[in-house]
C-alpha atoms as a PDB file:
ATOM      1  CA  MET A   1     -35.095 -10.780  51.699  1.00  0.00           C
ATOM      2  CA  ALA A   2     -38.325 -10.405  49.797  1.00  0.00           C
ATOM      3  CA  TYR A   3     -40.272  -7.444  48.553  1.00  0.00           C
ATOM      4  CA  LYS A   4     -43.930  -7.353  47.788  1.00  0.00           C
ATOM      5  CA  LYS A   5     -45.182  -5.289  44.941  1.00  0.00           C
ATOM      6  CA  ASN A   6     -48.467  -5.738  43.238  1.00  0.00           C
ATOM      7  CA  THR A   7     -48.833  -8.998  45.016  1.00  0.00           C
ATOM      8  CA  LYS A   8     -45.699 -10.384  43.352  1.00  0.00           C
ATOM      9  CA  CYS A   9     -42.676 -11.460  45.298  1.00  0.00           C
ATOM     10  CA  TYR A  10     -39.210 -10.325  44.074  1.00  0.00           C
ATOM     11  CA  THR A  11     -35.936 -11.423  45.489  1.00  0.00           C
ATOM     12  CA  LEU A  12     -32.961  -9.057  45.694  1.00  0.00           C
ATOM     13  CA  ASN A  13     -31.152 -11.134  43.077  1.00  0.00           C
ATOM     14  CA  ALA A  14     -34.005 -10.809  40.604  1.00  0.00           C
ATOM     15  CA  ILE A  15     -34.091  -7.046  41.101  1.00  0.00           C
ATOM     16  CA  MET A  16     -30.309  -6.780  40.493  1.00  0.00           C
ATOM     17  CA  LYS A  17     -30.520  -8.780  37.271  1.00  0.00           C
ATOM     18  CA  LYS A  18     -33.139  -6.457  35.849  1.00  0.00           C
ATOM     19  CA  ALA A  19     -31.414  -3.241  36.940  1.00  0.00           C
ATOM     20  CA  GLY A  20     -27.728  -3.681  35.880  1.00  0.00           C
ATOM     21  CA  PHE A  21     -25.112  -5.412  33.761  1.00  0.00           C
ATOM     22  CA  SER A  22     -23.500  -8.718  34.408  1.00  0.00           C
ATOM     23  CA  LEU A  23     -19.761  -9.012  34.996  1.00  0.00           C
ATOM     24  CA  VAL A  24     -19.319 -10.726  31.614  1.00  0.00           C
ATOM     25  CA  GLU A  25     -21.016  -7.832  29.822  1.00  0.00           C
ATOM     26  CA  VAL A  26     -18.794  -5.311  31.606  1.00  0.00           C
ATOM     27  CA  LEU A  27     -15.657  -7.299  30.688  1.00  0.00           C
ATOM     28  CA  ILE A  28     -16.686  -7.432  27.019  1.00  0.00           C
ATOM     29  CA  VAL A  29     -17.224  -3.669  26.975  1.00  0.00           C
ATOM     30  CA  ILE A  30     -13.825  -3.080  28.603  1.00  0.00           C
ATOM     31  CA  ILE A  31     -12.130  -5.315  26.006  1.00  0.00           C
ATOM     32  CA  LEU A  32     -13.880  -3.531  23.110  1.00  0.00           C
ATOM     33  CA  VAL A  33     -12.989  -0.090  24.444  1.00  0.00           C
ATOM     34  CA  GLY A  34      -9.383  -1.236  24.996  1.00  0.00           C
ATOM     35  CA  LEU A  35      -9.143  -2.506  21.410  1.00  0.00           C
ATOM     36  CA  ALA A  36     -10.550   0.774  20.098  1.00  0.00           C
ATOM     37  CA  ILE A  37      -8.028   2.789  22.099  1.00  0.00           C
ATOM     38  CA  ALA A  38      -5.167   0.536  20.963  1.00  0.00           C
ATOM     39  CA  GLY A  39      -6.288   1.025  17.348  1.00  0.00           C
ATOM     40  CA  LEU A  40      -6.357   4.798  17.767  1.00  0.00           C
ATOM     41  CA  VAL A  41      -2.875   4.823  19.308  1.00  0.00           C
ATOM     42  CA  ALA A  42      -1.516   2.691  16.442  1.00  0.00           C
ATOM     43  CA  ALA A  43      -3.191   4.934  13.849  1.00  0.00           C
ATOM     44  CA  ASN A  44      -1.776   8.031  15.533  1.00  0.00           C
ATOM     45  CA  SER A  45       1.709   6.498  15.422  1.00  0.00           C
ATOM     46  CA  ALA A  46       1.330   5.688  11.715  1.00  0.00           C
ATOM     47  CA  PHE A  47       0.091   9.212  10.961  1.00  0.00           C
ATOM     48  CA  THR A  48       3.029  10.713  12.839  1.00  0.00           C
ATOM     49  CA  LYS A  49       5.515   8.599  10.854  1.00  0.00           C
ATOM     50  CA  ALA A  50       3.805   9.504   7.564  1.00  0.00           C
ATOM     51  CA  ASN A  51       3.969  13.175   8.501  1.00  0.00           C
ATOM     52  CA  ALA A  52       7.701  12.880   9.265  1.00  0.00           C
ATOM     53  CA  VAL A  53       8.345  11.203   5.902  1.00  0.00           C
ATOM     54  CA  GLY A  54       6.387  13.948   4.142  1.00  0.00           C
ATOM     55  CA  THR A  55       8.379  16.620   5.941  1.00  0.00           C
ATOM     56  CA  ASN A  56      11.661  14.950   4.956  1.00  0.00           C
ATOM     57  CA  LEU A  57      10.578  14.704   1.311  1.00  0.00           C
ATOM     58  CA  SER A  58       9.581  18.377   1.317  1.00  0.00           C
ATOM     59  CA  THR A  59      12.983  19.280   2.721  1.00  0.00           C
ATOM     60  CA  ALA A  60      14.696  17.129   0.069  1.00  0.00           C
ATOM     61  CA  GLU A  61      12.718  18.916  -2.653  1.00  0.00           C
ATOM     62  CA  PHE A  62      13.735  22.280  -1.180  1.00  0.00           C
ATOM     63  CA  LEU A  63      17.414  21.266  -1.201  1.00  0.00           C
ATOM     64  CA  THR A  64      17.136  20.029  -4.799  1.00  0.00           C
ATOM     65  CA  GLU A  65      15.555  23.328  -5.824  1.00  0.00           C
ATOM     66  CA  GLN A  66      18.463  25.219  -4.255  1.00  0.00           C
ATOM     67  CA  ILE A  67      20.924  23.408  -6.534  1.00  0.00           C
ATOM     68  CA  ARG A  68      18.600  23.778  -9.519  1.00  0.00           C
ATOM     69  CA  GLU A  69      18.399  27.540  -8.931  1.00  0.00           C
ATOM     70  CA  ARG A  70      22.165  27.691  -8.746  1.00  0.00           C
ATOM     71  CA  THR A  71      22.517  25.939 -12.121  1.00  0.00           C
ATOM     72  CA  ILE A  72      19.778  28.035 -13.746  1.00  0.00           C
ATOM     73  CA  ALA A  73      21.316  31.303 -12.545  1.00  0.00           C
ATOM     74  CA  ALA A  74      24.751  30.313 -13.835  1.00  0.00           C
ATOM     75  CA  ASP A  75      25.768  31.033 -17.400  1.00  0.00           C
ATOM     76  CA  TYR A  76      26.192  27.829 -19.411  1.00  0.00           C
ATOM     77  CA  ASP A  77      29.967  28.280 -19.674  1.00  0.00           C
ATOM     78  CA  ASP A  78      30.070  28.873 -15.911  1.00  0.00           C
ATOM     79  CA  LEU A  79      28.464  25.478 -15.318  1.00  0.00           C
ATOM     80  CA  TYR A  80      31.882  23.995 -15.889  1.00  0.00           C
ATOM     81  CA  THR A  81      32.924  25.682 -12.674  1.00  0.00           C
ATOM     82  CA  LEU A  82      30.244  23.559 -11.025  1.00  0.00           C
ATOM     83  CA  GLN A  83      31.956  20.431 -12.301  1.00  0.00           C
ATOM     84  CA  HIS A  84      34.280  20.554  -9.330  1.00  0.00           C
ATOM     85  CA  PHE A  85      31.089  19.533  -7.474  1.00  0.00           C
ATOM     86  CA  ASP A  86      30.989  16.329  -9.490  1.00  0.00           C
ATOM     87  CA  GLY A  87      30.514  13.511  -7.002  1.00  0.00           C
ATOM     88  CA  VAL A  88      31.116  15.805  -4.025  1.00  0.00           C
ATOM     89  CA  SER A  89      28.854  15.562  -0.988  1.00  0.00           C
ATOM     90  CA  PHE A  90      27.792  18.593   1.011  1.00  0.00           C
ATOM     91  CA  SER A  91      26.872  18.106   4.631  1.00  0.00           C
ATOM     92  CA  PRO A  92      25.375  20.413   5.701  1.00  0.00           C
ATOM     93  CA  PRO A  93      23.767  21.068   2.313  1.00  0.00           C
ATOM     94  CA  ILE A  94      24.351  24.318   0.427  1.00  0.00           C
ATOM     95  CA  ASN A  95      21.862  26.838  -0.904  1.00  0.00           C
ATOM     96  CA  ALA A  96      21.695  28.542  -4.309  1.00  0.00           C
ATOM     97  CA  ASN A  97      24.466  30.934  -3.269  1.00  0.00           C
ATOM     98  CA  GLY A  98      26.783  28.154  -2.080  1.00  0.00           C
ATOM     99  CA  GLU A  99      26.263  28.962   1.607  1.00  0.00           C
ATOM    100  CA  ASP A 100      25.892  26.214   4.193  1.00  0.00           C
ATOM    101  CA  LEU A 101      22.357  25.422   5.376  1.00  0.00           C
ATOM    102  CA  ASN A 102      23.227  24.520   8.967  1.00  0.00           C
ATOM    103  CA  ASN A 103      19.565  23.990   9.916  1.00  0.00           C
ATOM    104  CA  PHE A 104      19.580  20.879   7.708  1.00  0.00           C
ATOM    105  CA  ALA A 105      22.741  19.270   9.104  1.00  0.00           C
ATOM    106  CA  ALA A 106      21.171  15.779   9.088  1.00  0.00           C
ATOM    107  CA  PHE A 107      20.825  16.011   5.293  1.00  0.00           C
ATOM    108  CA  THR A 108      23.553  15.517   2.698  1.00  0.00           C
ATOM    109  CA  GLU A 109      23.536  16.636  -0.953  1.00  0.00           C
ATOM    110  CA  GLN A 110      25.517  14.799  -3.588  1.00  0.00           C
ATOM    111  CA  ILE A 111      25.816  16.624  -6.907  1.00  0.00           C
ATOM    112  CA  THR A 112      26.930  15.223 -10.251  1.00  0.00           C
ATOM    113  CA  VAL A 113      27.625  17.422 -13.314  1.00  0.00           C
ATOM    114  CA  GLU A 114      28.221  15.617 -16.628  1.00  0.00           C
ATOM    115  CA  ASN A 115      28.437  16.376 -20.333  1.00  0.00           C
ATOM    116  CA  VAL A 116      25.911  14.270 -22.240  1.00  0.00           C
ATOM    117  CA  SER A 117      25.508  13.378 -25.902  1.00  0.00           C
ATOM    118  CA  GLU A 118      23.330  15.583 -28.127  1.00  0.00           C
ATOM    119  CA  THR A 119      21.458  12.527 -29.378  1.00  0.00           C
ATOM    120  CA  ASN A 120      21.312  10.429 -26.209  1.00  0.00           C
ATOM    121  CA  PHE A 121      20.989  12.257 -22.915  1.00  0.00           C
ATOM    122  CA  GLU A 122      21.790   9.058 -21.027  1.00  0.00           C
ATOM    123  CA  GLN A 123      25.250   8.790 -22.620  1.00  0.00           C
ATOM    124  CA  VAL A 124      28.017  10.670 -20.824  1.00  0.00           C
ATOM    125  CA  VAL A 125      30.667  12.166 -23.108  1.00  0.00           C
ATOM    126  CA  VAL A 126      34.038  13.769 -22.382  1.00  0.00           C
ATOM    127  CA  TYR A 127      33.695  16.631 -24.897  1.00  0.00           C
ATOM    128  CA  ASN A 128      31.553  19.747 -24.639  1.00  0.00           C
ATOM    129  CA  SER A 129      28.399  18.584 -26.402  1.00  0.00           C
ATOM    130  CA  GLY A 130      26.238  21.583 -25.647  1.00  0.00           C
ATOM    131  CA  PHE A 131      24.259  19.677 -23.006  1.00  0.00           C
ATOM    132  CA  ILE A 132      25.049  19.249 -19.341  1.00  0.00           C
ATOM    133  CA  ARG A 133      23.129  16.948 -17.021  1.00  0.00           C
ATOM    134  CA  VAL A 134      23.030  17.901 -13.352  1.00  0.00           C
ATOM    135  CA  THR A 135      21.947  15.229 -10.893  1.00  0.00           C
ATOM    136  CA  THR A 136      21.424  15.723  -7.199  1.00  0.00           C
ATOM    137  CA  LYS A 137      20.842  13.047  -4.593  1.00  0.00           C
ATOM    138  CA  ILE A 138      19.597  13.908  -1.128  1.00  0.00           C
ATOM    139  CA  PHE A 139      20.465  11.707   1.850  1.00  0.00           C
ATOM    140  CA  LEU A 140      19.084  11.779   5.370  1.00  0.00           C
ATOM    141  CA  ASN A 141      21.379  10.122   7.898  1.00  0.00           C
ATOM    142  CA  SER A 142      23.228   8.322   5.061  1.00  0.00           C
ATOM    143  CA  ARG A 143      20.006   6.941   3.522  1.00  0.00           C
ATOM    144  CA  GLN A 144      18.978   8.266   0.094  1.00  0.00           C
ATOM    145  CA  ILE A 145      15.501   9.776   0.183  1.00  0.00           C
ATOM    146  CA  SER A 146      15.378  11.701  -3.094  1.00  0.00           C
ATOM    147  CA  SER A 147      17.110  12.199  -6.401  1.00  0.00           C
ATOM    148  CA  ALA A 148      16.497  14.486  -9.354  1.00  0.00           C
ATOM    149  CA  GLY A 149      18.230  15.356 -12.585  1.00  0.00           C
ATOM    150  CA  TRP A 150      17.850  18.026 -15.240  1.00  0.00           C
ATOM    151  CA  LEU A 151      19.547  19.206 -18.412  1.00  0.00           C
ATOM    152  CA  ARG A 152      21.044  22.546 -19.320  1.00  0.00           C
ATOM    153  CA  ALA A 153      21.535  23.375 -22.976  1.00  0.00           C
ATOM    154  CA  ARG A 154      24.066  25.803 -24.397  1.00  0.00           C
ATOM    155  CA  TYR A 155      21.463  27.516 -26.623  1.00  0.00           C
END
């Protein structure tokens, strides 16, 4: 089949080559678009995981603050009553009033209360030195995700 235009002869094949894309070009575009979509899906997955980790760390900080508030509100001499928490795990965790936080049942708090030396806060002593170190570890599904410690002084 031939067309005449301006005294030139064009075949149907020549017209198709000028007007569209070849199959190879279409395949390359499909591969590039597929790679871009795969990259976006992978990035979305990574962002979702990072968001979940951030949420868990925020929850762990909240749980730590609950124990910290409990120790700050307590009189120094009453902190010894907290020593029965020493090494005890709470699952579900407890709040500053000692009530269960059932909404955080996947989390576990482990609290340690120790007397420490007046000159070396790393050294645990058996006598009342005037300083108590409280340490809390937060676990999510038996995996530690956070830990914090602070000192309380008698004076």
